[in-house]
Amino acid sequence: MEWVSELVSLTGWQGDRREVDWTVAERELGTPLPGDFKELCEVFGRGAFSGFLEVLPVDTAQPYSLLGRWSSLKEQWENPQVQALFDPYPVFEGSGLILWGKSMTEASYYWLADVSQSPEEWPIVARTAPLEDWHRFDAMSTSEFIYRVITDREFRPFSIARKVERPFFDSYR
C-alpha cells in the first residue's frame, strides 16, 4: 500500500513485519477490515506515531483493543446517554462506528463501516474530544489519515505537524 510505504519512509521505521490473525476480529465484527489498515498493523505492529496517534491492536481481546472497545460500546449502547455521545452515528452492527485509533489528547478515529460497502470505501469519522464535532473524511485510507495528522500543517483540527519536528513511530513491543 502506497501510504503505508510513505509512513515507513517518513518515520524511518525498520521493525520486523508481524503476522496478524485477522480471522477472529473479522468473524466477530462480521466484516473484513480495510486492507490498508491490515498492512499498517502488519508493518508497524503496536505503537504510536510521533508519540501521539495510537492504532488500536487487533490481535488481542484486551479491553483497549479494537475488538475490546467495540464490544464495550455495544454493551453500553442501550443507554441513551451513550447514544447521545455518538450522535448521529450508531455503534457498528452491520453499519456504524468502529474505533481504530486514538490520540494522547482524547481524539478518536473511527471508520463509518457498512457491510454493504467495500471496507476500502468506508469513510473515516473523527473528533478531537468526546463532546466535539465530528469530521468526516471520504476516500481517505487509514494510513493516509495518519500521514496527514503527522505531516500536514493544514489538516485541522487533527494535525500535530507544527508540534513534532520529525515524525517517528514508537513501538509498544
C-alpha atoms as a PDB file:
ATOM      1  CA  MET A   1       0.000   0.000   0.000  1.00  0.00           C
ATOM      2  CA  GLU A   2       1.480   3.322  -1.013  1.00  0.00           C
ATOM      3  CA  TRP A   3       0.540   5.302   2.128  1.00  0.00           C
ATOM      4  CA  VAL A   4       1.967   2.614   4.406  1.00  0.00           C
ATOM      5  CA  SER A   5       5.230   2.846   2.438  1.00  0.00           C
ATOM      6  CA  GLU A   6       5.145   6.627   2.810  1.00  0.00           C
ATOM      7  CA  LEU A   7       4.799   6.235   6.588  1.00  0.00           C
ATOM      8  CA  VAL A   8       7.728   3.795   6.664  1.00  0.00           C
ATOM      9  CA  SER A   9       9.900   6.261   4.732  1.00  0.00           C
ATOM     10  CA  LEU A  10       8.770   9.243   6.764  1.00  0.00           C
ATOM     11  CA  THR A  11       9.337   7.636  10.167  1.00  0.00           C
ATOM     12  CA  GLY A  12      12.430   5.641   9.206  1.00  0.00           C
ATOM     13  CA  TRP A  13      10.715   2.530  10.570  1.00  0.00           C
ATOM     14  CA  GLN A  14      12.823  -0.638  10.345  1.00  0.00           C
ATOM     15  CA  GLY A  15      10.934  -3.094  12.544  1.00  0.00           C
ATOM     16  CA  ASP A  16      10.082  -6.668  11.649  1.00  0.00           C
ATOM     17  CA  ARG A  17       6.822  -7.409   9.883  1.00  0.00           C
ATOM     18  CA  ARG A  18       4.247  -9.055  12.177  1.00  0.00           C
ATOM     19  CA  GLU A  19       1.836 -11.848  11.441  1.00  0.00           C
ATOM     20  CA  VAL A  20      -1.698 -10.922  12.468  1.00  0.00           C
ATOM     21  CA  ASP A  21      -4.559 -13.407  12.534  1.00  0.00           C
ATOM     22  CA  TRP A  22      -7.395 -11.347  11.107  1.00  0.00           C
ATOM     23  CA  THR A  23      -9.967 -14.154  11.174  1.00  0.00           C
ATOM     24  CA  VAL A  24     -11.039 -13.684  14.803  1.00  0.00           C
ATOM     25  CA  ALA A  25     -11.607  -9.940  14.537  1.00  0.00           C
ATOM     26  CA  GLU A  26     -13.320 -10.138  11.166  1.00  0.00           C
ATOM     27  CA  ARG A  27     -15.535 -13.003  12.301  1.00  0.00           C
ATOM     28  CA  GLU A  28     -16.539 -11.120  15.470  1.00  0.00           C
ATOM     29  CA  LEU A  29     -17.287  -7.944  13.532  1.00  0.00           C
ATOM     30  CA  GLY A  30     -18.953  -9.779  10.671  1.00  0.00           C
ATOM     31  CA  THR A  31     -16.953  -7.870   8.070  1.00  0.00           C
ATOM     32  CA  PRO A  32     -13.450  -7.705   6.649  1.00  0.00           C
ATOM     33  CA  LEU A  33     -11.315  -4.772   7.728  1.00  0.00           C
ATOM     34  CA  PRO A  34      -9.701  -2.358   5.260  1.00  0.00           C
ATOM     35  CA  GLY A  35      -6.627  -3.792   3.536  1.00  0.00           C
ATOM     36  CA  ASP A  36      -4.658  -0.604   4.161  1.00  0.00           C
ATOM     37  CA  PHE A  37      -5.268  -0.952   7.903  1.00  0.00           C
ATOM     38  CA  LYS A  38      -4.170  -4.587   7.847  1.00  0.00           C
ATOM     39  CA  GLU A  39      -0.968  -3.649   6.042  1.00  0.00           C
ATOM     40  CA  LEU A  40      -0.350  -0.839   8.527  1.00  0.00           C
ATOM     41  CA  CYS A  41      -0.740  -3.185  11.517  1.00  0.00           C
ATOM     42  CA  GLU A  42       1.457  -5.878   9.993  1.00  0.00           C
ATOM     43  CA  VAL A  43       4.234  -3.442   9.096  1.00  0.00           C
ATOM     44  CA  PHE A  44       4.260  -1.353  12.287  1.00  0.00           C
ATOM     45  CA  GLY A  45       2.658  -3.506  14.980  1.00  0.00           C
ATOM     46  CA  ARG A  46       1.560  -1.915  18.244  1.00  0.00           C
ATOM     47  CA  GLY A  47       2.700   1.601  18.965  1.00  0.00           C
ATOM     48  CA  ALA A  48       2.126   5.283  18.398  1.00  0.00           C
ATOM     49  CA  PHE A  49       3.002   7.661  15.596  1.00  0.00           C
ATOM     50  CA  SER A  50       5.004  10.640  16.860  1.00  0.00           C
ATOM     51  CA  GLY A  51       4.124   9.631  20.426  1.00  0.00           C
ATOM     52  CA  PHE A  52       0.610  10.865  19.694  1.00  0.00           C
ATOM     53  CA  LEU A  53      -1.608   8.726  17.452  1.00  0.00           C
ATOM     54  CA  GLU A  54      -2.083   5.123  18.559  1.00  0.00           C
ATOM     55  CA  VAL A  55      -3.532   2.474  16.267  1.00  0.00           C
ATOM     56  CA  LEU A  56      -5.555   0.022  18.340  1.00  0.00           C
ATOM     57  CA  PRO A  57      -4.245  -3.545  18.382  1.00  0.00           C
ATOM     58  CA  VAL A  58      -6.422  -6.123  16.688  1.00  0.00           C
ATOM     59  CA  ASP A  59      -4.827  -9.425  17.633  1.00  0.00           C
ATOM     60  CA  THR A  60      -5.848  -9.321  21.282  1.00  0.00           C
ATOM     61  CA  ALA A  61      -9.084  -9.477  23.248  1.00  0.00           C
ATOM     62  CA  GLN A  62      -7.908  -6.929  25.797  1.00  0.00           C
ATOM     63  CA  PRO A  63     -10.242  -4.050  26.725  1.00  0.00           C
ATOM     64  CA  TYR A  64      -8.155  -1.474  24.832  1.00  0.00           C
ATOM     65  CA  SER A  65      -8.022  -3.425  21.580  1.00  0.00           C
ATOM     66  CA  LEU A  66     -10.206  -2.745  18.562  1.00  0.00           C
ATOM     67  CA  LEU A  67     -12.496  -5.651  19.491  1.00  0.00           C
ATOM     68  CA  GLY A  68     -12.455  -4.768  23.183  1.00  0.00           C
ATOM     69  CA  ARG A  69     -13.504  -1.173  22.565  1.00  0.00           C
ATOM     70  CA  TRP A  70     -16.181  -2.242  20.056  1.00  0.00           C
ATOM     71  CA  SER A  71     -17.597  -4.878  22.437  1.00  0.00           C
ATOM     72  CA  SER A  72     -17.678  -2.415  25.315  1.00  0.00           C
ATOM     73  CA  LEU A  73     -19.502   0.185  23.260  1.00  0.00           C
ATOM     74  CA  LYS A  74     -22.022  -2.416  22.068  1.00  0.00           C
ATOM     75  CA  GLU A  75     -22.727  -3.436  25.688  1.00  0.00           C
ATOM     76  CA  GLN A  76     -23.388   0.182  26.674  1.00  0.00           C
ATOM     77  CA  TRP A  77     -25.327   1.138  23.559  1.00  0.00           C
ATOM     78  CA  GLU A  78     -28.830   0.817  25.034  1.00  0.00           C
ATOM     79  CA  ASN A  79     -28.056   3.718  27.352  1.00  0.00           C
ATOM     80  CA  PRO A  80     -29.478   6.907  25.762  1.00  0.00           C
ATOM     81  CA  GLN A  81     -26.644   8.966  27.271  1.00  0.00           C
ATOM     82  CA  VAL A  82     -24.080   6.794  25.488  1.00  0.00           C
ATOM     83  CA  GLN A  83     -26.010   7.093  22.225  1.00  0.00           C
ATOM     84  CA  ALA A  84     -26.106  10.879  22.637  1.00  0.00           C
ATOM     85  CA  LEU A  85     -22.289  10.956  22.901  1.00  0.00           C
ATOM     86  CA  PHE A  86     -22.005   9.419  19.425  1.00  0.00           C
ATOM     87  CA  ASP A  87     -24.969  11.109  17.729  1.00  0.00           C
ATOM     88  CA  PRO A  88     -25.639  10.927  14.781  1.00  0.00           C
ATOM     89  CA  TYR A  89     -23.697   7.657  14.428  1.00  0.00           C
ATOM     90  CA  PRO A  90     -24.605   4.230  15.819  1.00  0.00           C
ATOM     91  CA  VAL A  91     -22.191   1.599  17.076  1.00  0.00           C
ATOM     92  CA  PHE A  92     -21.293  -0.892  14.336  1.00  0.00           C
ATOM     93  CA  GLU A  93     -23.711  -3.765  13.931  1.00  0.00           C
ATOM     94  CA  GLY A  94     -23.736  -4.149  10.176  1.00  0.00           C
ATOM     95  CA  SER A  95     -23.175  -0.416   9.858  1.00  0.00           C
ATOM     96  CA  GLY A  96     -21.853   2.228  12.196  1.00  0.00           C
ATOM     97  CA  LEU A  97     -18.710   3.182  14.084  1.00  0.00           C
ATOM     98  CA  ILE A  98     -15.633   1.023  14.603  1.00  0.00           C
ATOM     99  CA  LEU A  99     -12.867   2.721  16.598  1.00  0.00           C
ATOM    100  CA  TRP A 100      -9.449   2.054  15.044  1.00  0.00           C
ATOM    101  CA  GLY A 101      -7.268   4.661  16.739  1.00  0.00           C
ATOM    102  CA  LYS A 102      -6.973   7.353  19.354  1.00  0.00           C
ATOM    103  CA  SER A 103      -4.661  10.163  20.328  1.00  0.00           C
ATOM    104  CA  MET A 104      -2.957  11.016  23.578  1.00  0.00           C
ATOM    105  CA  THR A 105      -5.196  14.108  23.766  1.00  0.00           C
ATOM    106  CA  GLU A 106      -8.573  12.290  23.560  1.00  0.00           C
ATOM    107  CA  ALA A 107      -9.084  12.481  19.800  1.00  0.00           C
ATOM    108  CA  SER A 108     -10.750   9.367  18.439  1.00  0.00           C
ATOM    109  CA  TYR A 109     -10.664   7.923  14.940  1.00  0.00           C
ATOM    110  CA  TYR A 110     -13.369   5.633  13.556  1.00  0.00           C
ATOM    111  CA  TRP A 111     -14.477   4.048  10.350  1.00  0.00           C
ATOM    112  CA  LEU A 112     -18.090   4.600   9.428  1.00  0.00           C
ATOM    113  CA  ALA A 113     -18.313   0.963   8.430  1.00  0.00           C
ATOM    114  CA  ASP A 114     -21.037  -0.670   6.375  1.00  0.00           C
ATOM    115  CA  VAL A 115     -21.089  -4.328   5.334  1.00  0.00           C
ATOM    116  CA  SER A 116     -22.828  -3.352   2.088  1.00  0.00           C
ATOM    117  CA  GLN A 117     -19.685  -1.425   1.023  1.00  0.00           C
ATOM    118  CA  SER A 118     -16.119  -2.464   0.398  1.00  0.00           C
ATOM    119  CA  PRO A 119     -14.063  -1.687   3.538  1.00  0.00           C
ATOM    120  CA  GLU A 120     -11.766   0.334   1.265  1.00  0.00           C
ATOM    121  CA  GLU A 121     -14.675   2.769   0.762  1.00  0.00           C
ATOM    122  CA  TRP A 122     -15.513   3.318   4.422  1.00  0.00           C
ATOM    123  CA  PRO A 123     -15.194   6.972   5.415  1.00  0.00           C
ATOM    124  CA  ILE A 124     -13.168   7.957   8.445  1.00  0.00           C
ATOM    125  CA  VAL A 125     -15.030   9.992  11.047  1.00  0.00           C
ATOM    126  CA  ALA A 126     -13.046  11.617  13.814  1.00  0.00           C
ATOM    127  CA  ARG A 127     -13.219  14.201  16.519  1.00  0.00           C
ATOM    128  CA  THR A 128     -10.723  15.904  18.754  1.00  0.00           C
ATOM    129  CA  ALA A 129     -12.548  15.127  22.024  1.00  0.00           C
ATOM    130  CA  PRO A 130     -15.652  13.178  23.090  1.00  0.00           C
ATOM    131  CA  LEU A 131     -18.010  16.159  23.005  1.00  0.00           C
ATOM    132  CA  GLU A 132     -16.534  17.954  19.986  1.00  0.00           C
ATOM    133  CA  ASP A 133     -17.961  17.995  16.458  1.00  0.00           C
ATOM    134  CA  TRP A 134     -17.424  15.095  14.088  1.00  0.00           C
ATOM    135  CA  HIS A 135     -15.285  15.467  10.961  1.00  0.00           C
ATOM    136  CA  ARG A 136     -15.815  13.119   8.024  1.00  0.00           C
ATOM    137  CA  PHE A 137     -13.150  12.111   5.511  1.00  0.00           C
ATOM    138  CA  ASP A 138     -14.310  10.279   2.406  1.00  0.00           C
ATOM    139  CA  ALA A 139     -11.894   8.496   0.063  1.00  0.00           C
ATOM    140  CA  MET A 140      -9.060   8.549   2.620  1.00  0.00           C
ATOM    141  CA  SER A 141      -7.322   5.420   3.849  1.00  0.00           C
ATOM    142  CA  THR A 142      -6.293   4.898   7.461  1.00  0.00           C
ATOM    143  CA  SER A 143      -2.590   5.305   6.674  1.00  0.00           C
ATOM    144  CA  GLU A 144      -3.207   8.456   4.616  1.00  0.00           C
ATOM    145  CA  PHE A 145      -5.149   9.918   7.546  1.00  0.00           C
ATOM    146  CA  ILE A 146      -2.226   9.146   9.883  1.00  0.00           C
ATOM    147  CA  TYR A 147       0.240  10.601   7.393  1.00  0.00           C
ATOM    148  CA  ARG A 148      -1.757  13.824   7.231  1.00  0.00           C
ATOM    149  CA  VAL A 149      -2.073  14.063  11.030  1.00  0.00           C
ATOM    150  CA  ILE A 150       1.698  13.884  11.497  1.00  0.00           C
ATOM    151  CA  THR A 151       2.819  15.913   8.447  1.00  0.00           C
ATOM    152  CA  ASP A 152       0.126  18.266   7.111  1.00  0.00           C
ATOM    153  CA  ARG A 153       0.047  21.574   8.985  1.00  0.00           C
ATOM    154  CA  GLU A 154      -3.252  22.440   7.288  1.00  0.00           C
ATOM    155  CA  PHE A 155      -5.033  19.220   8.323  1.00  0.00           C
ATOM    156  CA  ARG A 156      -7.006  20.921  11.034  1.00  0.00           C
ATOM    157  CA  PRO A 157      -8.073  20.247  13.693  1.00  0.00           C
ATOM    158  CA  PHE A 158      -6.085  16.992  13.782  1.00  0.00           C
ATOM    159  CA  SER A 159      -2.583  17.958  12.649  1.00  0.00           C
ATOM    160  CA  ILE A 160       0.356  17.802  15.027  1.00  0.00           C
ATOM    161  CA  ALA A 161       2.876  18.748  12.310  1.00  0.00           C
ATOM    162  CA  ARG A 162       3.660  22.099  13.945  1.00  0.00           C
ATOM    163  CA  LYS A 163       4.492  20.358  17.221  1.00  0.00           C
ATOM    164  CA  VAL A 164       6.603  17.428  16.046  1.00  0.00           C
ATOM    165  CA  GLU A 165       9.714  18.335  14.096  1.00  0.00           C
ATOM    166  CA  ARG A 166      10.464  14.841  12.755  1.00  0.00           C
ATOM    167  CA  PRO A 167       7.689  12.206  12.666  1.00  0.00           C
ATOM    168  CA  PHE A 168       8.557   8.847  14.230  1.00  0.00           C
ATOM    169  CA  PHE A 169       6.969   5.578  15.276  1.00  0.00           C
ATOM    170  CA  ASP A 170       7.320   4.365  18.856  1.00  0.00           C
ATOM    171  CA  SER A 171       6.804   0.585  19.103  1.00  0.00           C
ATOM    172  CA  TYR A 172       4.991  -0.862  22.151  1.00  0.00           C
ATOM    173  CA  ARG A 173       6.594  -4.306  21.911  1.00  0.00           C
END
